[in-house]
N, C-alpha and C. Protein backbone atom coordinates (compact mmCIF):
# COMPACT_ATOMS: atom_id res chain seq x y z
N MET A 1 -149.80 -20.71 95.02
CA MET A 1 -148.84 -19.11 95.32
C MET A 1 -149.49 -18.84 94.12
N LYS A 2 -150.05 -17.70 93.80
CA LYS A 2 -150.39 -16.58 92.77
C LYS A 2 -149.49 -16.43 91.68
N LEU A 3 -149.76 -16.64 90.49
CA LEU A 3 -148.87 -16.58 89.30
C LEU A 3 -148.10 -15.20 89.44
N TYR A 4 -149.38 -13.87 89.98
CA TYR A 4 -148.30 -13.03 89.89
C TYR A 4 -146.84 -12.89 91.06
N ARG A 5 -147.46 -13.45 92.22
CA ARG A 5 -146.59 -13.36 93.21
C ARG A 5 -145.41 -13.97 93.14
N LYS A 6 -145.27 -15.38 92.03
CA LYS A 6 -144.63 -16.12 91.79
C LYS A 6 -143.58 -15.29 90.69
N GLY A 7 -144.24 -14.68 89.72
CA GLY A 7 -142.96 -14.20 89.09
C GLY A 7 -142.35 -13.01 89.51
N PHE A 8 -143.22 -12.42 90.77
CA PHE A 8 -142.73 -10.93 90.87
C PHE A 8 -141.32 -11.26 91.97
N ARG A 9 -141.57 -12.53 92.58
CA ARG A 9 -140.60 -13.06 93.20
C ARG A 9 -138.81 -13.00 92.22
N ALA A 10 -139.47 -13.92 91.02
CA ALA A 10 -138.35 -14.46 90.26
C ALA A 10 -137.38 -13.42 89.58
N GLU A 11 -138.37 -12.31 89.25
CA GLU A 11 -137.90 -11.29 88.88
C GLU A 11 -137.16 -10.39 89.96
N ARG A 12 -137.43 -10.22 91.05
CA ARG A 12 -137.07 -9.56 92.20
C ARG A 12 -135.18 -10.74 92.33
N GLU A 13 -135.83 -11.68 92.31
CA GLU A 13 -133.95 -12.46 92.24
C GLU A 13 -132.90 -12.56 90.95
N LEU A 14 -133.89 -12.44 90.01
CA LEU A 14 -132.77 -12.13 89.10
C LEU A 14 -132.23 -10.35 88.98
N LEU A 15 -133.06 -9.66 89.47
CA LEU A 15 -132.42 -8.16 89.78
C LEU A 15 -131.26 -8.72 90.81
N ARG A 16 -131.11 -8.87 91.74
CA ARG A 16 -130.56 -9.00 92.63
C ARG A 16 -129.25 -9.69 92.39
N PHE A 17 -129.45 -10.71 91.52
CA PHE A 17 -128.33 -11.67 90.57
C PHE A 17 -127.43 -10.93 90.36
N LEU A 18 -127.84 -10.60 89.50
CA LEU A 18 -127.38 -9.14 87.67
C LEU A 18 -126.68 -8.24 88.93
N SER A 19 -127.37 -7.80 90.25
CA SER A 19 -126.90 -6.19 90.59
C SER A 19 -125.89 -6.57 91.18
N ALA A 20 -125.35 -7.93 91.81
CA ALA A 20 -124.81 -8.39 92.93
C ALA A 20 -123.15 -8.14 91.90
N ARG A 21 -123.43 -8.56 90.52
CA ARG A 21 -122.24 -8.56 89.29
C ARG A 21 -121.95 -7.57 88.99
N GLY A 22 -122.65 -5.72 88.99
CA GLY A 22 -122.20 -5.63 88.76
C GLY A 22 -123.17 -4.62 87.64
N TYR A 23 -124.07 -4.88 87.53
CA TYR A 23 -125.32 -4.38 86.35
C TYR A 23 -126.02 -3.46 87.37
N SER A 24 -126.58 -2.41 86.73
CA SER A 24 -127.55 -1.54 86.82
C SER A 24 -128.88 -2.29 86.30
N CYS A 25 -129.84 -2.15 87.25
CA CYS A 25 -130.99 -3.04 86.98
C CYS A 25 -132.44 -2.31 87.13
N VAL A 26 -133.19 -2.31 86.22
CA VAL A 26 -134.39 -1.60 86.28
C VAL A 26 -135.83 -2.73 86.35
N ARG A 27 -136.59 -2.92 87.14
CA ARG A 27 -137.66 -4.41 87.13
C ARG A 27 -138.77 -2.89 86.06
N SER A 28 -139.53 -3.41 85.38
CA SER A 28 -140.62 -2.44 84.41
C SER A 28 -141.95 -3.05 85.39
N ALA A 29 -142.59 -1.82 86.17
CA ALA A 29 -143.52 -1.78 86.17
C ALA A 29 -145.03 -2.34 85.76
N SER A 30 -144.74 -2.06 84.49
CA SER A 30 -145.69 -2.54 83.57
C SER A 30 -145.52 -3.67 82.77
N SER A 31 -144.52 -4.62 83.10
CA SER A 31 -144.30 -5.55 82.50
C SER A 31 -145.10 -6.38 81.79
N GLY A 32 -144.80 -6.40 80.68
CA GLY A 32 -146.31 -7.44 79.85
C GLY A 32 -147.65 -7.04 80.00
N GLY A 33 -146.91 -5.26 79.69
CA GLY A 33 -148.48 -4.65 79.69
C GLY A 33 -148.25 -4.03 77.91
N ALA A 34 -149.45 -3.15 78.15
CA ALA A 34 -149.16 -2.53 76.34
C ALA A 34 -147.59 -1.55 76.17
N LEU A 35 -147.42 -0.89 77.57
CA LEU A 35 -146.41 -0.45 77.23
C LEU A 35 -144.87 -0.94 76.57
N THR A 36 -144.74 -1.64 78.01
CA THR A 36 -143.33 -2.84 77.54
C THR A 36 -143.87 -4.00 77.36
N PRO A 37 -142.80 -4.71 76.67
CA PRO A 37 -142.95 -6.12 76.98
C PRO A 37 -141.97 -6.73 77.92
N VAL A 38 -140.90 -5.52 78.29
CA VAL A 38 -139.86 -6.22 78.93
C VAL A 38 -139.96 -6.61 80.57
N ASP A 39 -139.57 -7.50 81.34
CA ASP A 39 -139.77 -7.61 82.69
C ASP A 39 -138.56 -6.80 83.41
N VAL A 40 -137.46 -7.13 82.98
CA VAL A 40 -136.43 -6.50 83.82
C VAL A 40 -134.92 -6.17 82.32
N VAL A 41 -134.73 -4.87 82.93
CA VAL A 41 -133.41 -4.19 81.85
C VAL A 41 -132.71 -4.24 83.16
N ALA A 42 -131.14 -4.88 82.59
CA ALA A 42 -129.61 -4.79 83.06
C ALA A 42 -128.94 -4.17 82.04
N ILE A 43 -127.77 -3.29 82.58
CA ILE A 43 -126.97 -2.44 82.19
C ILE A 43 -125.61 -2.77 82.43
N LYS A 44 -124.65 -2.61 81.99
CA LYS A 44 -122.87 -2.70 82.40
C LYS A 44 -122.24 -2.56 81.76
N SER A 45 -121.40 -1.68 81.37
CA SER A 45 -120.25 -1.21 80.44
C SER A 45 -120.83 -1.23 79.14
N GLY A 46 -122.34 -0.72 78.71
CA GLY A 46 -122.36 -0.66 77.74
C GLY A 46 -123.03 -1.73 76.97
N LYS A 47 -123.57 -2.59 78.17
CA LYS A 47 -123.76 -4.11 77.51
C LYS A 47 -125.37 -3.87 78.06
N LEU A 48 -126.48 -4.37 77.05
CA LEU A 48 -127.75 -4.00 77.39
C LEU A 48 -128.21 -5.32 77.29
N LEU A 49 -128.79 -5.97 78.50
CA LEU A 49 -130.07 -7.01 78.62
C LEU A 49 -131.12 -7.01 79.34
N CYS A 50 -131.97 -7.27 78.15
CA CYS A 50 -133.32 -7.75 78.28
C CYS A 50 -133.83 -8.72 78.69
N PHE A 51 -134.76 -8.98 79.59
CA PHE A 51 -135.38 -10.01 80.10
C PHE A 51 -137.08 -10.01 80.38
N GLU A 52 -137.83 -11.42 79.48
CA GLU A 52 -138.90 -11.43 79.78
C GLU A 52 -139.01 -13.08 80.55
N ILE A 53 -139.93 -12.59 81.81
CA ILE A 53 -139.29 -13.83 82.98
C ILE A 53 -140.50 -14.83 83.06
N LYS A 54 -140.33 -15.51 83.04
CA LYS A 54 -141.45 -16.79 83.12
C LYS A 54 -140.73 -17.68 84.83
N SER A 55 -141.95 -17.59 85.27
CA SER A 55 -141.70 -19.00 86.57
C SER A 55 -142.36 -20.13 86.47
N TRP A 56 -142.96 -20.79 85.16
CA TRP A 56 -143.96 -21.50 85.09
C TRP A 56 -143.44 -23.16 85.24
N ALA A 57 -144.12 -24.06 85.47
CA ALA A 57 -143.51 -25.33 85.77
C ALA A 57 -142.76 -25.92 84.66
N ARG A 58 -144.00 -25.65 83.65
CA ARG A 58 -143.19 -26.17 81.76
C ARG A 58 -142.76 -25.06 81.54
N LYS A 59 -141.63 -25.51 80.16
CA LYS A 59 -140.84 -24.38 79.90
C LYS A 59 -141.60 -23.56 79.03
N PRO A 60 -141.39 -22.15 78.88
CA PRO A 60 -142.65 -21.10 78.73
C PRO A 60 -142.24 -21.25 76.82
N ARG A 61 -143.09 -20.81 76.28
CA ARG A 61 -143.34 -20.57 75.10
C ARG A 61 -143.91 -18.96 74.94
N LEU A 62 -143.38 -17.96 74.37
CA LEU A 62 -143.99 -17.24 74.30
C LEU A 62 -145.06 -16.90 73.33
N ASP A 63 -146.22 -16.30 73.24
CA ASP A 63 -147.08 -16.40 72.18
C ASP A 63 -146.54 -15.45 70.95
N ARG A 64 -146.71 -15.69 69.66
CA ARG A 64 -146.50 -14.76 68.99
C ARG A 64 -146.93 -13.03 69.14
N SER A 65 -147.97 -12.68 69.50
CA SER A 65 -148.01 -11.44 69.74
C SER A 65 -146.97 -10.38 70.68
N GLN A 66 -146.52 -11.36 71.87
CA GLN A 66 -145.44 -10.86 73.00
C GLN A 66 -144.41 -11.45 72.56
N LEU A 67 -144.05 -12.39 71.72
CA LEU A 67 -142.76 -12.37 71.12
C LEU A 67 -142.24 -11.52 70.51
N SER A 68 -143.16 -10.91 69.10
CA SER A 68 -142.94 -9.95 68.38
C SER A 68 -142.30 -8.79 68.72
N ARG A 69 -143.67 -8.11 70.15
CA ARG A 69 -143.32 -7.28 71.05
C ARG A 69 -141.96 -7.22 71.60
N PHE A 70 -141.69 -8.28 72.19
CA PHE A 70 -140.46 -8.40 72.80
C PHE A 70 -139.27 -8.15 72.07
N SER A 71 -139.85 -9.06 70.60
CA SER A 71 -137.86 -8.74 70.10
C SER A 71 -137.78 -7.20 69.40
N GLU A 72 -139.24 -6.68 68.89
CA GLU A 72 -138.85 -5.46 68.27
C GLU A 72 -138.65 -4.29 69.50
N TRP A 73 -138.81 -4.53 70.95
CA TRP A 73 -138.23 -3.43 71.84
C TRP A 73 -136.79 -3.87 71.65
N CYS A 74 -136.21 -5.20 71.77
CA CYS A 74 -134.74 -5.32 72.12
C CYS A 74 -134.25 -4.71 70.78
N ARG A 75 -134.51 -5.18 69.73
CA ARG A 75 -133.77 -4.67 68.59
C ARG A 75 -133.85 -3.07 68.50
N ASN A 76 -135.28 -2.40 69.02
CA ASN A 76 -135.32 -0.85 68.71
C ASN A 76 -133.90 -0.40 69.88
N ALA A 77 -133.73 -1.05 71.34
CA ALA A 77 -132.80 -0.87 72.41
C ALA A 77 -131.24 -1.53 71.71
N GLN A 78 -131.38 -2.10 71.14
CA GLN A 78 -129.66 -2.83 70.34
C GLN A 78 -129.37 -3.64 71.71
N ALA A 79 -130.45 -4.59 72.09
CA ALA A 79 -130.21 -5.22 73.63
C ALA A 79 -130.38 -6.43 73.09
N HIS A 80 -129.59 -7.60 74.37
CA HIS A 80 -129.45 -8.77 74.04
C HIS A 80 -130.49 -9.57 74.51
N GLY A 81 -131.77 -9.78 74.00
CA GLY A 81 -133.04 -10.29 74.33
C GLY A 81 -132.87 -11.59 75.07
N PHE A 82 -133.47 -12.09 76.49
CA PHE A 82 -133.38 -13.33 76.79
C PHE A 82 -135.15 -13.76 77.60
N VAL A 83 -135.69 -15.06 76.90
CA VAL A 83 -136.48 -15.23 77.83
C VAL A 83 -135.83 -15.80 79.21
N ALA A 84 -135.90 -15.52 80.02
CA ALA A 84 -135.72 -15.97 81.29
C ALA A 84 -136.77 -17.15 82.28
N TRP A 85 -136.11 -18.30 82.10
CA TRP A 85 -137.30 -18.87 82.96
C TRP A 85 -136.71 -19.37 84.39
N TYR A 86 -137.50 -19.88 85.50
CA TYR A 86 -136.94 -20.01 86.41
C TYR A 86 -138.11 -21.10 87.21
N ASN A 87 -137.61 -22.19 87.21
CA ASN A 87 -138.27 -23.18 87.75
C ASN A 87 -137.31 -23.75 88.70
N GLN A 88 -137.99 -24.44 89.83
CA GLN A 88 -137.28 -25.64 90.69
C GLN A 88 -135.91 -24.86 91.27
N ASN A 89 -135.70 -23.62 91.76
CA ASN A 89 -134.67 -23.28 91.75
C ASN A 89 -133.59 -23.05 90.92
N GLN A 90 -134.09 -23.19 89.73
CA GLN A 90 -132.80 -22.96 88.31
C GLN A 90 -133.58 -22.27 87.20
N TRP A 91 -132.10 -21.25 87.10
CA TRP A 91 -132.25 -20.34 85.37
C TRP A 91 -132.16 -20.69 84.58
N ARG A 92 -132.68 -20.93 83.45
CA ARG A 92 -132.64 -21.18 82.02
C ARG A 92 -132.61 -19.44 81.53
N PHE A 93 -131.60 -19.60 80.26
CA PHE A 93 -131.93 -18.30 78.95
C PHE A 93 -132.10 -18.71 77.87
N LEU A 94 -133.07 -18.12 77.07
CA LEU A 94 -133.33 -18.28 75.97
C LEU A 94 -133.19 -17.51 74.81
N PRO A 95 -132.12 -17.23 74.32
CA PRO A 95 -132.13 -15.61 73.59
C PRO A 95 -133.28 -15.58 72.36
N VAL A 96 -133.70 -14.31 72.52
CA VAL A 96 -135.02 -14.24 72.10
C VAL A 96 -135.00 -14.79 70.27
N ARG A 97 -133.58 -14.21 69.74
CA ARG A 97 -133.28 -15.22 68.27
C ARG A 97 -133.84 -16.48 68.03
N ASP A 98 -133.92 -17.37 69.14
CA ASP A 98 -134.24 -18.76 69.15
C ASP A 98 -135.59 -18.86 69.39
N ALA A 99 -136.15 -17.92 70.14
CA ALA A 99 -137.59 -17.90 70.07
C ALA A 99 -138.38 -17.26 68.57
N GLU A 100 -137.91 -16.86 68.31
CA GLU A 100 -138.44 -16.26 66.95
C GLU A 100 -138.07 -16.98 65.98
N ALA A 101 -137.19 -17.86 66.03
CA ALA A 101 -136.90 -19.02 65.22
C ALA A 101 -137.80 -20.67 65.52
N ASN A 102 -138.67 -20.45 66.60
CA ASN A 102 -139.21 -21.35 67.23
C ASN A 102 -138.46 -22.28 67.34
N ARG A 103 -137.36 -22.03 68.29
CA ARG A 103 -136.25 -22.78 68.99
C ARG A 103 -136.31 -23.10 70.14
N TYR A 104 -137.49 -24.04 70.64
CA TYR A 104 -137.63 -24.26 72.09
C TYR A 104 -136.59 -25.12 72.78
N GLY A 105 -135.94 -25.94 71.57
CA GLY A 105 -135.40 -27.43 72.11
C GLY A 105 -134.40 -27.12 73.28
N ASP A 106 -134.39 -28.07 74.16
CA ASP A 106 -133.54 -28.41 75.68
C ASP A 106 -131.96 -27.68 75.36
N GLU A 107 -131.91 -27.97 73.99
CA GLU A 107 -130.31 -27.41 73.61
C GLU A 107 -130.44 -26.26 73.31
N PHE A 108 -131.32 -25.06 73.07
CA PHE A 108 -131.27 -23.65 72.69
C PHE A 108 -130.82 -23.01 74.29
N TRP A 109 -131.93 -23.35 75.02
CA TRP A 109 -131.53 -22.89 76.77
C TRP A 109 -130.19 -22.77 77.08
N ILE A 110 -129.98 -21.72 77.51
CA ILE A 110 -128.58 -21.73 78.78
C ILE A 110 -128.40 -21.45 79.59
N ASP A 111 -127.57 -22.58 80.20
CA ASP A 111 -127.72 -22.55 81.63
C ASP A 111 -127.17 -21.63 82.69
N TYR A 112 -127.67 -21.82 83.66
CA TYR A 112 -127.24 -20.93 84.79
C TYR A 112 -125.69 -20.67 84.48
N GLU A 113 -124.75 -21.19 84.77
CA GLU A 113 -123.32 -21.40 84.53
C GLU A 113 -122.93 -20.45 83.01
N SER A 114 -123.30 -21.31 82.04
CA SER A 114 -123.15 -20.58 80.98
C SER A 114 -123.06 -19.13 80.55
N PHE A 115 -124.87 -19.04 81.46
CA PHE A 115 -125.05 -17.33 81.11
C PHE A 115 -124.11 -16.27 82.13
N LEU A 116 -123.78 -17.00 83.38
CA LEU A 116 -122.43 -16.07 83.53
C LEU A 116 -121.49 -16.16 83.28
N ARG A 117 -120.70 -17.32 82.59
CA ARG A 117 -119.51 -16.77 81.91
C ARG A 117 -119.89 -15.98 81.01
N VAL A 118 -120.85 -16.13 80.03
CA VAL A 118 -120.93 -14.97 79.10
C VAL A 118 -121.03 -13.71 79.61
N PHE A 119 -122.26 -13.19 80.53
CA PHE A 119 -122.56 -11.95 80.35
C PHE A 119 -122.07 -11.25 81.81
N THR A 120 -121.71 -11.97 82.66
CA THR A 120 -121.29 -11.34 83.47
C THR A 120 -119.96 -11.40 84.50
N GLN A 121 -119.00 -11.17 83.24
CA GLN A 121 -117.81 -10.95 83.10
C GLN A 121 -117.49 -9.66 83.83
């Protein structure tokens, strides 16, 4: 499967997942492009979540340039930023602050159930 198509499917799945939990969501048409580094934005009751989505076989690591732009975007928007990783039908979420500190170890990734408890109440 082509990478763009695989990524698009993951983005759509996250949109459906968050929309079903009451979030207003939008997928950025130019995600990863020069204008915005954000793939998906979700808003609920003043809570703003931003996601850079990867659907790679291996645990993703954002390059410094991409991470810098994503972090800055989240700070400017006062949003909770996450690298969202979709692999083998499982979601994992890494807070952008951990990515900035180069903490990509398994213990820093939030599993699906924990993410649900914290952010979809």
